[in-house]
Amino acid sequence: MLAEAYRDLKYLLNRGYRKRYALDFVANHYRLTRGERYLLARCVFSDGWVGEVRKKLLSPEEMKGRVLGIDGFNVLITLESLLEGRAILCEDGLVRDLKYQGRYRLNEGTGRLLGDLARALGELGVEKAVFFYGSAVPRSGEVKKLTEEAFGRKWPEVEVKLVRSPDFELKRFETVSTADIGIISKVPHVFDLAAYVGGLAGWKASDLFELLEKTCSERY
């Protein structure tokens, strides 16, 4: 059922249908569960979008000496999802969360994840990293402080900013780390920082196509 829904949604997206309307039509037709609908919403795109994003994606080897804008809460949510086994590798090559979580919630594991991020950025050799956190998110000031502590004096070229609109700020960068399609569509380069950190830690995302193949084989 899910594989058929994927094919129908893909067909409509490739013919220019807006995703929201196409997804509503397909989900209602196949009577998809909330989880199945969310999976398709997060992971399925037109071939045009997939090609565009894959051209923008940078490898770890291409990150040395770059200035990187980081969508802080987006990356943290994705990292938590990888740790919990609730993240998926999508069609466009980016890992996204499947947590139904609108806003990031500070928790006891936040500091550890920020430490993992600091070590990963050190290995990548970026020239400068700028974290942006939405100031309207509860306890964002505490997350900012934890981020600064995680990098410490070893990282003078890291800035952490509380801003009204991280999306607006990130669209000014040449290279960003985010899974947000609105930001990705406006910048030249993207690096999947969450996937990189997860890979170093051994946290593996599910694969959309492996999942579709599994559901298809289970049916038949």
C-alpha atoms as a PDB file:
ATOM      1  CA  MET A   1       0.000   0.000   0.000  1.00  0.00           C
ATOM      2  CA  LEU A   2       2.716   2.477   0.955  1.00  0.00           C
ATOM      3  CA  ALA A   3       4.740   1.700  -2.170  1.00  0.00           C
ATOM      4  CA  GLU A   4       1.699   2.372  -4.377  1.00  0.00           C
ATOM      5  CA  ALA A   5       1.032   5.613  -2.531  1.00  0.00           C
ATOM      6  CA  TYR A   6       4.651   6.643  -3.076  1.00  0.00           C
ATOM      7  CA  ARG A   7       4.433   6.017  -6.821  1.00  0.00           C
ATOM      8  CA  ASP A   8       1.193   7.985  -7.156  1.00  0.00           C
ATOM      9  CA  LEU A   9       2.516  10.911  -5.131  1.00  0.00           C
ATOM     10  CA  LYS A  10       5.721  10.929  -7.147  1.00  0.00           C
ATOM     11  CA  TYR A  11       3.730  10.971 -10.384  1.00  0.00           C
ATOM     12  CA  LEU A  12       1.724  13.994  -9.275  1.00  0.00           C
ATOM     13  CA  LEU A  13       4.739  15.910  -7.973  1.00  0.00           C
ATOM     14  CA  ASN A  14       6.617  15.368 -11.237  1.00  0.00           C
ATOM     15  CA  ARG A  15       3.698  16.943 -13.054  1.00  0.00           C
ATOM     16  CA  GLY A  16       3.753  20.089 -10.988  1.00  0.00           C
ATOM     17  CA  TYR A  17       1.008  19.427  -8.452  1.00  0.00           C
ATOM     18  CA  ARG A  18       1.488  21.218  -5.152  1.00  0.00           C
ATOM     19  CA  LYS A  19       2.670  18.782  -2.543  1.00  0.00           C
ATOM     20  CA  ARG A  20      -0.005  19.508   0.034  1.00  0.00           C
ATOM     21  CA  TYR A  21      -2.874  18.832  -2.364  1.00  0.00           C
ATOM     22  CA  ALA A  22      -1.190  15.832  -3.976  1.00  0.00           C
ATOM     23  CA  LEU A  23      -0.434  14.298  -0.584  1.00  0.00           C
ATOM     24  CA  ASP A  24      -4.000  14.847   0.648  1.00  0.00           C
ATOM     25  CA  PHE A  25      -5.375  13.115  -2.436  1.00  0.00           C
ATOM     26  CA  VAL A  26      -3.025  10.138  -2.230  1.00  0.00           C
ATOM     27  CA  ALA A  27      -3.264   9.717   1.559  1.00  0.00           C
ATOM     28  CA  ASN A  28      -7.048   9.765   1.495  1.00  0.00           C
ATOM     29  CA  HIS A  29      -7.205   7.373  -1.455  1.00  0.00           C
ATOM     30  CA  TYR A  30      -4.997   4.774   0.221  1.00  0.00           C
ATOM     31  CA  ARG A  31      -6.266   5.519   3.736  1.00  0.00           C
ATOM     32  CA  LEU A  32      -2.734   6.018   5.009  1.00  0.00           C
ATOM     33  CA  THR A  33      -1.990   6.187   8.693  1.00  0.00           C
ATOM     34  CA  ARG A  34      -0.707   9.390  10.233  1.00  0.00           C
ATOM     35  CA  GLY A  35       2.791   7.938  10.317  1.00  0.00           C
ATOM     36  CA  GLU A  36       2.716   6.860   6.667  1.00  0.00           C
ATOM     37  CA  ARG A  37       1.434  10.250   5.593  1.00  0.00           C
ATOM     38  CA  TYR A  38       4.146  12.041   7.572  1.00  0.00           C
ATOM     39  CA  LEU A  39       6.817   9.797   6.091  1.00  0.00           C
ATOM     40  CA  LEU A  40       5.794  10.675   2.531  1.00  0.00           C
ATOM     41  CA  ALA A  41       5.509  14.362   3.392  1.00  0.00           C
ATOM     42  CA  ARG A  42       9.044  14.443   4.769  1.00  0.00           C
ATOM     43  CA  CYS A  43      10.784  12.268   2.202  1.00  0.00           C
ATOM     44  CA  VAL A  44       9.184  12.361  -1.249  1.00  0.00           C
ATOM     45  CA  PHE A  45       9.902  15.109  -3.785  1.00  0.00           C
ATOM     46  CA  SER A  46       9.741  15.767  -7.493  1.00  0.00           C
ATOM     47  CA  ASP A  47      12.674  14.569  -9.576  1.00  0.00           C
ATOM     48  CA  GLY A  48      13.518  18.212 -10.250  1.00  0.00           C
ATOM     49  CA  TRP A  49      13.896  18.999  -6.564  1.00  0.00           C
ATOM     50  CA  VAL A  50      15.905  15.834  -5.914  1.00  0.00           C
ATOM     51  CA  GLY A  51      18.361  16.728  -8.670  1.00  0.00           C
ATOM     52  CA  GLU A  52      18.667  20.317  -7.480  1.00  0.00           C
ATOM     53  CA  VAL A  53      19.440  19.376  -3.876  1.00  0.00           C
ATOM     54  CA  ARG A  54      21.892  16.615  -4.762  1.00  0.00           C
ATOM     55  CA  LYS A  55      23.915  19.147  -6.750  1.00  0.00           C
ATOM     56  CA  LYS A  56      24.082  21.368  -3.658  1.00  0.00           C
ATOM     57  CA  LEU A  57      25.070  18.651  -1.191  1.00  0.00           C
ATOM     58  CA  LEU A  58      28.697  18.782  -0.094  1.00  0.00           C
ATOM     59  CA  SER A  59      30.843  15.907   1.128  1.00  0.00           C
ATOM     60  CA  PRO A  60      32.868  16.130   4.368  1.00  0.00           C
ATOM     61  CA  GLU A  61      36.021  16.549   2.282  1.00  0.00           C
ATOM     62  CA  GLU A  62      34.587  19.727   0.739  1.00  0.00           C
ATOM     63  CA  MET A  63      33.949  21.456   4.070  1.00  0.00           C
ATOM     64  CA  LYS A  64      37.477  22.495   4.999  1.00  0.00           C
ATOM     65  CA  GLY A  65      37.881  26.262   5.175  1.00  0.00           C
ATOM     66  CA  ARG A  66      34.191  27.026   4.701  1.00  0.00           C
ATOM     67  CA  VAL A  67      31.947  29.330   6.724  1.00  0.00           C
ATOM     68  CA  LEU A  68      28.953  27.263   7.799  1.00  0.00           C
ATOM     69  CA  GLY A  69      25.546  28.573   8.877  1.00  0.00           C
ATOM     70  CA  ILE A  70      23.807  26.073  11.161  1.00  0.00           C
ATOM     71  CA  ASP A  71      20.064  25.752  11.732  1.00  0.00           C
ATOM     72  CA  GLY A  72      20.594  24.894  15.385  1.00  0.00           C
ATOM     73  CA  PHE A  73      17.276  23.442  16.485  1.00  0.00           C
ATOM     74  CA  ASN A  74      16.769  21.630  13.172  1.00  0.00           C
ATOM     75  CA  VAL A  75      20.125  19.893  13.520  1.00  0.00           C
ATOM     76  CA  LEU A  76      19.550  19.014  17.185  1.00  0.00           C
ATOM     77  CA  ILE A  77      16.120  17.497  16.495  1.00  0.00           C
ATOM     78  CA  THR A  78      17.561  15.423  13.655  1.00  0.00           C
ATOM     79  CA  LEU A  79      20.430  14.233  15.843  1.00  0.00           C
ATOM     80  CA  GLU A  80      18.049  13.175  18.595  1.00  0.00           C
ATOM     81  CA  SER A  81      15.980  11.321  16.005  1.00  0.00           C
ATOM     82  CA  LEU A  82      19.056   9.476  14.763  1.00  0.00           C
ATOM     83  CA  LEU A  83      19.952   8.506  18.319  1.00  0.00           C
ATOM     84  CA  GLU A  84      16.398   7.235  18.920  1.00  0.00           C
ATOM     85  CA  GLY A  85      16.150   5.385  15.592  1.00  0.00           C
ATOM     86  CA  ARG A  86      13.473   7.771  14.307  1.00  0.00           C
ATOM     87  CA  ALA A  87      15.244   9.406  11.379  1.00  0.00           C
ATOM     88  CA  ILE A  88      15.131   8.589   7.684  1.00  0.00           C
ATOM     89  CA  LEU A  89      17.299   9.188   4.639  1.00  0.00           C
ATOM     90  CA  CYS A  90      15.056  10.960   2.148  1.00  0.00           C
ATOM     91  CA  GLU A  91      14.971  11.065  -1.647  1.00  0.00           C
ATOM     92  CA  ASP A  92      16.985  14.259  -1.889  1.00  0.00           C
ATOM     93  CA  GLY A  93      19.882  12.782   0.091  1.00  0.00           C
ATOM     94  CA  LEU A  94      19.165  14.509   3.417  1.00  0.00           C
ATOM     95  CA  VAL A  95      18.351  12.856   6.728  1.00  0.00           C
ATOM     96  CA  ARG A  96      15.161  14.110   8.388  1.00  0.00           C
ATOM     97  CA  ASP A  97      13.412  13.372  11.656  1.00  0.00           C
ATOM     98  CA  LEU A  98      10.129  11.500  12.050  1.00  0.00           C
ATOM     99  CA  LYS A  99       9.293  12.787  15.527  1.00  0.00           C
ATOM    100  CA  TYR A 100       6.266  15.025  14.851  1.00  0.00           C
ATOM    101  CA  GLN A 101       8.169  17.600  16.885  1.00  0.00           C
ATOM    102  CA  GLY A 102       7.513  21.199  16.004  1.00  0.00           C
ATOM    103  CA  ARG A 103       9.873  22.823  18.507  1.00  0.00           C
ATOM    104  CA  TYR A 104      13.060  21.629  20.134  1.00  0.00           C
ATOM    105  CA  ARG A 105      12.785  20.665  23.802  1.00  0.00           C
ATOM    106  CA  LEU A 106      15.851  21.106  25.970  1.00  0.00           C
ATOM    107  CA  ASN A 107      16.683  17.847  27.755  1.00  0.00           C
ATOM    108  CA  GLU A 108      19.453  16.091  29.653  1.00  0.00           C
ATOM    109  CA  GLY A 109      21.041  14.853  26.416  1.00  0.00           C
ATOM    110  CA  THR A 110      21.361  18.276  24.790  1.00  0.00           C
ATOM    111  CA  GLY A 111      24.826  18.991  26.150  1.00  0.00           C
ATOM    112  CA  ARG A 112      26.156  15.664  24.923  1.00  0.00           C
ATOM    113  CA  LEU A 113      24.838  16.230  21.413  1.00  0.00           C
ATOM    114  CA  LEU A 114      26.423  19.680  21.324  1.00  0.00           C
ATOM    115  CA  GLY A 115      29.718  18.128  22.361  1.00  0.00           C
ATOM    116  CA  ASP A 116      29.392  15.684  19.465  1.00  0.00           C
ATOM    117  CA  LEU A 117      28.756  18.613  17.135  1.00  0.00           C
ATOM    118  CA  ALA A 118      31.837  20.455  18.395  1.00  0.00           C
ATOM    119  CA  ARG A 119      34.077  17.442  17.785  1.00  0.00           C
ATOM    120  CA  ALA A 120      32.621  16.865  14.324  1.00  0.00           C
ATOM    121  CA  LEU A 121      33.120  20.455  13.234  1.00  0.00           C
ATOM    122  CA  GLY A 122      36.701  20.266  14.452  1.00  0.00           C
ATOM    123  CA  GLU A 123      37.309  17.221  12.273  1.00  0.00           C
ATOM    124  CA  LEU A 124      35.710  18.891   9.265  1.00  0.00           C
ATOM    125  CA  GLY A 125      38.082  21.842   9.511  1.00  0.00           C
ATOM    126  CA  VAL A 126      35.522  24.561   8.834  1.00  0.00           C
ATOM    127  CA  GLU A 127      36.845  28.101   9.058  1.00  0.00           C
ATOM    128  CA  LYS A 128      33.868  29.383  11.011  1.00  0.00           C
ATOM    129  CA  ALA A 129      30.520  28.076  12.252  1.00  0.00           C
ATOM    130  CA  VAL A 130      27.530  30.257  13.100  1.00  0.00           C
ATOM    131  CA  PHE A 131      24.640  28.694  15.040  1.00  0.00           C
ATOM    132  CA  PHE A 132      21.203  30.289  14.802  1.00  0.00           C
ATOM    133  CA  TYR A 133      18.479  29.537  17.331  1.00  0.00           C
ATOM    134  CA  GLY A 134      14.943  30.902  17.227  1.00  0.00           C
ATOM    135  CA  SER A 135      14.508  33.288  20.137  1.00  0.00           C
ATOM    136  CA  ALA A 136      10.794  32.429  20.455  1.00  0.00           C
ATOM    137  CA  VAL A 137      11.527  28.774  21.283  1.00  0.00           C
ATOM    138  CA  PRO A 138      11.213  28.060  25.028  1.00  0.00           C
ATOM    139  CA  ARG A 139      14.589  27.914  26.848  1.00  0.00           C
ATOM    140  CA  SER A 140      16.476  28.919  23.712  1.00  0.00           C
ATOM    141  CA  GLY A 141      18.748  31.079  25.854  1.00  0.00           C
ATOM    142  CA  GLU A 142      19.822  27.999  27.815  1.00  0.00           C
ATOM    143  CA  VAL A 143      20.566  26.121  24.593  1.00  0.00           C
ATOM    144  CA  LYS A 144      22.652  29.065  23.402  1.00  0.00           C
ATOM    145  CA  LYS A 145      24.682  28.967  26.612  1.00  0.00           C
ATOM    146  CA  LEU A 146      25.180  25.194  26.368  1.00  0.00           C
ATOM    147  CA  THR A 147      26.362  25.578  22.771  1.00  0.00           C
ATOM    148  CA  GLU A 148      28.933  28.194  23.777  1.00  0.00           C
ATOM    149  CA  GLU A 149      30.138  25.953  26.606  1.00  0.00           C
ATOM    150  CA  ALA A 150      30.444  22.940  24.287  1.00  0.00           C
ATOM    151  CA  PHE A 151      32.830  24.780  21.985  1.00  0.00           C
ATOM    152  CA  GLY A 152      34.686  26.720  24.678  1.00  0.00           C
ATOM    153  CA  ARG A 153      37.945  28.540  24.067  1.00  0.00           C
ATOM    154  CA  LYS A 154      39.141  25.991  21.527  1.00  0.00           C
ATOM    155  CA  TRP A 155      36.672  27.441  19.047  1.00  0.00           C
ATOM    156  CA  PRO A 156      37.089  31.218  18.771  1.00  0.00           C
ATOM    157  CA  GLU A 157      35.497  31.085  15.309  1.00  0.00           C
ATOM    158  CA  VAL A 158      32.102  29.882  16.484  1.00  0.00           C
ATOM    159  CA  GLU A 159      29.230  32.303  16.963  1.00  0.00           C
ATOM    160  CA  VAL A 160      25.914  31.444  18.592  1.00  0.00           C
ATOM    161  CA  LYS A 161      23.005  33.774  17.929  1.00  0.00           C
ATOM    162  CA  LEU A 162      19.428  34.042  19.146  1.00  0.00           C
ATOM    163  CA  VAL A 163      17.375  35.529  16.324  1.00  0.00           C
ATOM    164  CA  ARG A 164      13.768  36.100  15.485  1.00  0.00           C
ATOM    165  CA  SER A 165      13.985  34.192  12.204  1.00  0.00           C
ATOM    166  CA  PRO A 166      16.835  31.681  11.692  1.00  0.00           C
ATOM    167  CA  ASP A 167      15.490  31.012   8.185  1.00  0.00           C
ATOM    168  CA  PHE A 168      16.019  34.631   7.164  1.00  0.00           C
ATOM    169  CA  GLU A 169      19.562  34.700   8.533  1.00  0.00           C
ATOM    170  CA  LEU A 170      20.598  31.359   7.026  1.00  0.00           C
ATOM    171  CA  LYS A 171      19.500  32.317   3.515  1.00  0.00           C
ATOM    172  CA  ARG A 172      22.399  34.806   3.476  1.00  0.00           C
ATOM    173  CA  PHE A 173      25.004  32.038   3.743  1.00  0.00           C
ATOM    174  CA  GLU A 174      26.733  30.205   0.939  1.00  0.00           C
ATOM    175  CA  THR A 175      26.815  26.927   2.884  1.00  0.00           C
ATOM    176  CA  VAL A 176      24.237  25.825   5.460  1.00  0.00           C
ATOM    177  CA  SER A 177      23.359  22.819   7.582  1.00  0.00           C
ATOM    178  CA  THR A 178      19.607  22.274   7.643  1.00  0.00           C
ATOM    179  CA  ALA A 179      16.929  19.968   6.258  1.00  0.00           C
ATOM    180  CA  ASP A 180      14.478  22.844   5.769  1.00  0.00           C
ATOM    181  CA  ILE A 181      13.467  23.013   2.105  1.00  0.00           C
ATOM    182  CA  GLY A 182      12.651  26.727   2.310  1.00  0.00           C
ATOM    183  CA  ILE A 183      16.247  27.506   3.251  1.00  0.00           C
ATOM    184  CA  ILE A 184      17.803  24.927   0.939  1.00  0.00           C
ATOM    185  CA  SER A 185      16.026  26.380  -2.085  1.00  0.00           C
ATOM    186  CA  LYS A 186      17.749  29.753  -1.526  1.00  0.00           C
ATOM    187  CA  VAL A 187      21.379  28.781  -0.888  1.00  0.00           C
ATOM    188  CA  PRO A 188      24.183  27.438  -3.117  1.00  0.00           C
ATOM    189  CA  HIS A 189      25.447  24.625  -0.861  1.00  0.00           C
ATOM    190  CA  VAL A 190      24.168  22.298   1.861  1.00  0.00           C
ATOM    191  CA  PHE A 191      26.009  20.009   4.256  1.00  0.00           C
ATOM    192  CA  ASP A 192      24.116  17.370   6.245  1.00  0.00           C
ATOM    193  CA  LEU A 193      25.821  17.968   9.564  1.00  0.00           C
ATOM    194  CA  ALA A 194      23.375  15.826  11.537  1.00  0.00           C
ATOM    195  CA  ALA A 195      23.973  12.833   9.254  1.00  0.00           C
ATOM    196  CA  TYR A 196      27.744  13.329   9.529  1.00  0.00           C
ATOM    197  CA  VAL A 197      27.686  13.458  13.324  1.00  0.00           C
ATOM    198  CA  GLY A 198      25.342  10.481  13.447  1.00  0.00           C
ATOM    199  CA  GLY A 199      27.672   8.529  11.183  1.00  0.00           C
ATOM    200  CA  LEU A 200      30.629   9.191  13.474  1.00  0.00           C
ATOM    201  CA  ALA A 201      28.573   7.954  16.419  1.00  0.00           C
ATOM    202  CA  GLY A 202      27.233   4.899  14.583  1.00  0.00           C
ATOM    203  CA  TRP A 203      23.621   6.124  14.466  1.00  0.00           C
ATOM    204  CA  LYS A 204      22.071   4.990  11.201  1.00  0.00           C
ATOM    205  CA  ALA A 205      18.990   6.472   9.586  1.00  0.00           C
ATOM    206  CA  SER A 206      16.371   4.295   7.945  1.00  0.00           C
ATOM    207  CA  ASP A 207      16.319   4.384   4.143  1.00  0.00           C
ATOM    208  CA  LEU A 208      13.112   5.369   2.347  1.00  0.00           C
ATOM    209  CA  PHE A 209      13.554   2.946  -0.519  1.00  0.00           C
ATOM    210  CA  GLU A 210      14.486   0.038   1.726  1.00  0.00           C
ATOM    211  CA  LEU A 211      11.339   0.755   3.723  1.00  0.00           C
ATOM    212  CA  LEU A 212       9.177   0.856   0.585  1.00  0.00           C
ATOM    213  CA  GLU A 213      10.705  -2.386  -0.672  1.00  0.00           C
ATOM    214  CA  LYS A 214      10.065  -4.045   2.679  1.00  0.00           C
ATOM    215  CA  THR A 215       6.391  -3.034   2.756  1.00  0.00           C
ATOM    216  CA  CYS A 216       5.982  -4.245  -0.825  1.00  0.00           C
ATOM    217  CA  SER A 217       7.566  -7.651  -0.123  1.00  0.00           C
ATOM    218  CA  GLU A 218       5.509  -8.087   3.052  1.00  0.00           C
ATOM    219  CA  ARG A 219       2.329  -7.570   1.056  1.00  0.00           C
ATOM    220  CA  TYR A 220       3.211 -10.161  -1.539  1.00  0.00           C
END
